Amino acid sequence: MRRRESSADGQPGGVAVMLLARLHAAHWAWGWNRIAFSRWLPNRTPGLRFMKTLGSGRGGGFGLLPSPSHQGLFCLFDARESAAQFVASSPLVARYREASSECLLLTLQPCSARGSWDGIALPASAPLADNAPVAALTRASIRPLAAPAFWAHAPAAQAGLAGAPGCELAIGLGEAPLLRQATFSLWRDTAAMDAYARTGPHQQAIRAAWQQRFFSESMFVRFAPLAIEGQWQGRRHG
């Protein structure tokens, strides 16, 4: 029986880990195999409730051309202690660190959430201070007939994201080409994130998505970063 990369009982955990990696060329094949086959592999990580291995666009961007080097891993745990143990001692994390020229791990507390991912809804159990750093994850399953319209809006909506005032990092991620897409970003504060999200092409793309029903399932989550360690885009964290 095929095993999904999510919990068997469908009950969500409470703390997330996002791993971002830029793999050395010698490990590209290993990375592709993880994207293609990891959902069928058993995972006995203590406290793990949900896991997704994610590819990225060329250079970590949002285009249709896949990146051979950039990859993400999103995990949801039942407690902060389980997430910390995973970051500190998981063989999978150790392999990513060894295989990558850059590897960043963010431990995240969901603060507000709507929608679901493969039927899993994240809890929102912590307040988010207005002047504190905030991370955002947006993901969607795109209806096949809506894919041309979605991708017609996507380039303009994402063009200014990485360079938007207050954006610390941004990466395009996805479970599958064209139809299962995600964006992860880290911001100086909520005001900076909202200023980008609610203006210009991004706001137009959101409006079109809801009016034209681009998605069969979607999720948007805001997180409070609890810990950040590693390196990304030449910048050291932690």
Protein backbone atom coordinates (compact mmCIF):
# COMPACT_ATOMS: atom_id res chain seq x y z
CA MET A 1 0.00 0.00 0.00
CA ARG A 2 1.35 3.42 -0.92
CA ARG A 3 2.33 5.57 2.05
CA ARG A 4 1.63 9.31 2.05
CA GLU A 5 4.13 11.74 3.52
CA SER A 6 1.72 12.67 6.26
CA SER A 7 0.38 11.23 9.48
CA ALA A 8 -1.74 8.13 9.35
CA ASP A 9 -4.37 9.52 11.69
CA GLY A 10 -4.57 12.98 10.10
CA GLN A 11 -4.04 14.85 13.36
CA PRO A 12 -1.75 17.86 13.03
CA GLY A 13 1.18 18.71 15.27
CA GLY A 14 2.10 22.09 16.64
CA VAL A 15 5.62 23.15 15.54
CA ALA A 16 7.01 23.18 12.00
CA VAL A 17 10.50 22.91 10.55
CA MET A 18 11.36 24.26 7.09
CA LEU A 19 14.67 23.10 5.63
CA LEU A 20 16.06 24.85 2.56
CA ALA A 21 19.03 23.33 0.72
CA ARG A 22 21.23 24.15 -2.26
CA LEU A 23 22.71 20.79 -3.15
CA HIS A 24 26.19 20.19 -4.53
CA ALA A 25 26.10 18.88 -8.11
CA ALA A 26 27.36 15.48 -6.92
CA HIS A 27 24.14 15.09 -4.87
CA TRP A 28 21.58 16.27 -7.43
CA ALA A 29 20.52 12.69 -8.21
CA TRP A 30 19.97 12.01 -4.50
CA GLY A 31 17.84 15.15 -4.29
CA TRP A 32 15.71 14.18 -7.29
CA ASN A 33 15.18 10.72 -5.82
CA ARG A 34 13.97 12.23 -2.56
CA ILE A 35 11.43 14.38 -4.38
CA ALA A 36 10.24 11.45 -6.49
CA PHE A 37 10.18 8.63 -3.94
CA SER A 38 10.35 9.89 -0.34
CA ARG A 39 6.59 9.76 0.11
CA TRP A 40 6.77 5.97 -0.08
CA LEU A 41 9.64 5.59 2.40
CA PRO A 42 8.93 4.78 6.06
CA ASN A 43 9.76 7.56 8.49
CA ARG A 44 10.03 6.86 12.19
CA THR A 45 11.10 10.33 13.31
CA PRO A 46 9.76 10.85 16.85
CA GLY A 47 6.86 13.29 17.01
CA LEU A 48 6.62 13.77 13.23
CA ARG A 49 3.05 14.32 12.03
CA PHE A 50 3.50 15.49 8.43
CA MET A 51 6.36 15.77 5.92
CA LYS A 52 6.72 17.06 2.37
CA THR A 53 9.84 17.00 0.20
CA LEU A 54 9.70 19.93 -2.22
CA GLY A 55 11.45 20.93 -5.40
CA SER A 56 12.05 24.49 -6.56
CA GLY A 57 12.25 26.62 -9.67
CA ARG A 58 15.51 27.46 -11.40
CA GLY A 59 17.79 29.29 -8.96
CA GLY A 60 15.24 28.89 -6.18
CA GLY A 61 12.76 31.01 -8.09
CA PHE A 62 9.14 30.67 -9.16
CA GLY A 63 9.37 29.76 -12.84
CA LEU A 64 8.40 26.61 -14.69
CA LEU A 65 11.98 25.40 -15.18
CA PRO A 66 12.95 23.09 -12.29
CA SER A 67 16.10 23.62 -10.25
CA PRO A 68 18.50 20.67 -10.01
CA SER A 69 20.02 22.10 -6.83
CA HIS A 70 17.43 23.92 -4.74
CA GLN A 71 15.12 21.91 -2.52
CA GLY A 72 12.90 22.25 0.53
CA LEU A 73 11.64 19.98 3.29
CA PHE A 74 8.58 20.93 5.33
CA CYS A 75 7.86 18.98 8.54
CA LEU A 76 5.21 19.31 11.21
CA PHE A 77 5.82 18.01 14.74
CA ASP A 78 3.64 17.50 17.77
CA ALA A 79 5.92 19.55 20.06
CA ARG A 80 8.86 21.92 19.99
CA GLU A 81 11.06 19.32 21.66
CA SER A 82 10.49 16.87 18.79
CA ALA A 83 11.30 19.57 16.24
CA ALA A 84 14.51 20.49 18.10
CA GLN A 85 15.59 16.85 18.24
CA PHE A 86 15.00 16.50 14.50
CA VAL A 87 17.13 19.57 13.71
CA ALA A 88 19.92 18.51 16.06
CA SER A 89 20.21 14.78 15.41
CA SER A 90 18.15 13.54 12.46
CA PRO A 91 20.21 11.50 9.95
CA LEU A 92 18.17 13.11 7.18
CA VAL A 93 19.12 16.63 8.30
CA ALA A 94 22.74 15.52 8.62
CA ARG A 95 22.63 14.20 5.04
CA TYR A 96 21.20 17.48 3.74
CA ARG A 97 23.93 19.43 5.53
CA GLU A 98 26.63 17.18 4.09
CA ALA A 99 25.17 17.29 0.57
CA SER A 100 24.61 21.06 0.40
CA SER A 101 26.68 24.14 -0.18
CA GLU A 102 23.99 26.04 1.74
CA CYS A 103 21.46 24.62 4.19
CA LEU A 104 19.06 26.62 6.36
CA LEU A 105 16.72 25.27 9.04
CA LEU A 106 13.88 27.33 10.47
CA THR A 107 11.83 26.17 13.46
CA LEU A 108 8.42 27.82 13.22
CA GLN A 109 5.36 28.27 15.42
CA PRO A 110 2.08 28.60 13.45
CA CYS A 111 0.30 31.81 14.47
CA SER A 112 -2.51 32.02 11.94
CA ALA A 113 -3.62 29.48 9.37
CA ARG A 114 -6.38 28.89 6.91
CA GLY A 115 -6.98 26.06 4.49
CA SER A 116 -5.32 22.66 4.38
CA TRP A 117 -2.58 20.56 2.78
CA ASP A 118 -3.63 17.06 1.76
CA GLY A 119 -6.48 17.45 4.21
CA ILE A 120 -4.19 18.46 7.10
CA ALA A 121 -4.96 21.81 8.78
CA LEU A 122 -2.19 23.42 10.83
CA PRO A 123 -3.01 24.67 14.33
CA ALA A 124 -2.63 28.36 15.11
CA SER A 125 -1.72 28.48 18.77
CA ALA A 126 0.48 31.55 19.33
CA PRO A 127 0.06 35.33 18.98
CA LEU A 128 2.25 37.20 16.51
CA ALA A 129 3.73 40.52 17.58
CA ASP A 130 3.39 43.30 15.00
CA ASN A 131 7.07 44.26 15.12
CA ALA A 132 8.49 40.72 15.23
CA PRO A 133 9.87 38.68 12.31
CA VAL A 134 7.28 36.59 10.49
CA ALA A 135 7.47 33.72 8.02
CA ALA A 136 4.76 32.84 5.52
CA LEU A 137 3.93 29.65 3.64
CA THR A 138 1.43 29.68 0.79
CA ARG A 139 0.65 26.48 -1.08
CA ALA A 140 -2.02 25.39 -3.53
CA SER A 141 -3.22 22.50 -5.64
CA ILE A 142 -4.03 24.12 -8.98
CA ARG A 143 -6.97 22.86 -10.99
CA PRO A 144 -5.60 21.50 -14.30
CA LEU A 145 -7.94 23.59 -16.43
CA ALA A 146 -6.95 26.70 -14.46
CA ALA A 147 -3.18 26.17 -14.82
CA PRO A 148 -2.73 28.46 -17.87
CA ALA A 149 -4.55 31.31 -16.13
CA PHE A 150 -2.62 30.77 -12.88
CA TRP A 151 0.76 30.83 -14.61
CA ALA A 152 -0.25 33.90 -16.60
CA HIS A 153 -0.54 35.80 -13.29
CA ALA A 154 2.36 34.16 -11.43
CA PRO A 155 5.45 35.84 -12.99
CA ALA A 156 4.29 39.40 -12.31
CA ALA A 157 3.04 38.50 -8.83
CA GLN A 158 6.35 36.94 -7.80
CA ALA A 159 8.75 39.22 -9.69
CA GLY A 160 9.29 41.68 -6.87
CA LEU A 161 9.00 39.32 -3.91
CA ALA A 162 12.66 38.65 -3.11
CA GLY A 163 13.51 42.34 -3.41
CA ALA A 164 10.46 43.69 -1.57
CA PRO A 165 11.27 45.98 1.37
CA GLY A 166 11.53 43.90 4.53
CA CYS A 167 11.77 40.52 2.77
CA GLU A 168 14.67 38.54 4.25
CA LEU A 169 14.36 35.55 1.91
CA ALA A 170 11.89 34.04 -0.53
CA ILE A 171 11.86 30.76 -2.41
CA GLY A 172 9.45 29.04 -4.79
CA LEU A 173 8.71 25.44 -3.87
CA GLY A 174 6.49 22.68 -5.17
CA GLU A 175 5.49 19.04 -4.83
CA ALA A 176 4.95 18.60 -8.56
CA PRO A 177 5.48 20.71 -11.69
CA LEU A 178 2.72 23.08 -12.76
CA LEU A 179 -0.04 21.97 -10.40
CA ARG A 180 1.20 21.74 -6.77
CA GLN A 181 3.03 24.93 -5.90
CA ALA A 182 4.18 26.77 -2.77
CA THR A 183 5.99 29.94 -1.73
CA PHE A 184 7.95 30.37 1.48
CA SER A 185 9.17 33.76 2.66
CA LEU A 186 10.68 35.39 5.75
CA TRP A 187 9.94 39.03 6.61
CA ARG A 188 11.21 41.71 8.96
CA ASP A 189 7.69 42.20 10.35
CA THR A 190 4.02 41.80 9.52
CA ALA A 191 3.70 45.33 8.11
CA ALA A 192 6.36 44.64 5.48
CA MET A 193 4.71 41.38 4.46
CA ASP A 194 1.25 42.94 4.23
CA ALA A 195 2.58 45.87 2.20
CA TYR A 196 3.75 43.45 -0.47
CA ALA A 197 0.78 41.07 -0.31
CA ARG A 198 -1.93 43.71 -0.55
CA THR A 199 -0.62 45.82 -3.41
CA GLY A 200 0.19 45.56 -7.11
CA PRO A 201 0.34 42.35 -9.17
CA HIS A 202 0.30 40.09 -6.11
CA GLN A 203 -3.04 41.46 -4.95
CA GLN A 204 -4.39 41.13 -8.50
CA ALA A 205 -3.25 37.50 -8.66
CA ILE A 206 -4.95 36.70 -5.33
CA ARG A 207 -8.18 38.29 -6.50
CA ALA A 208 -8.11 36.34 -9.76
CA ALA A 209 -7.37 33.08 -7.95
CA TRP A 210 -10.45 33.40 -5.74
CA GLN A 211 -12.78 34.78 -8.40
CA GLN A 212 -11.84 32.16 -10.99
CA ARG A 213 -11.38 29.26 -8.53
CA PHE A 214 -7.85 28.35 -9.57
CA PHE A 215 -7.33 25.97 -6.62
CA SER A 216 -8.85 22.67 -5.54
CA GLU A 217 -7.06 23.05 -2.18
CA SER A 218 -4.97 25.82 -0.67
CA MET A 219 -3.31 26.83 2.58
CA PHE A 220 -1.81 30.04 3.95
CA VAL A 221 0.09 30.10 7.25
CA ARG A 222 1.92 32.79 9.18
CA PHE A 223 4.63 31.62 11.55
CA ALA A 224 6.67 33.10 14.37
CA PRO A 225 10.29 31.97 13.87
CA LEU A 226 11.52 30.20 17.01
CA ALA A 227 15.03 29.37 15.74
CA ILE A 228 16.98 29.87 12.52
CA GLU A 229 20.33 28.24 11.84
CA GLY A 230 22.59 27.63 8.86
CA GLN A 231 23.35 29.63 5.73
CA TRP A 232 21.22 30.89 2.85
CA GLN A 233 22.11 33.21 -0.02
CA GLY A 234 25.50 33.84 1.54
CA ARG A 235 24.10 34.90 4.90
CA ARG A 236 24.79 33.02 8.14
CA HIS A 237 22.02 32.55 10.70
CA GLY A 238 22.10 31.33 14.29
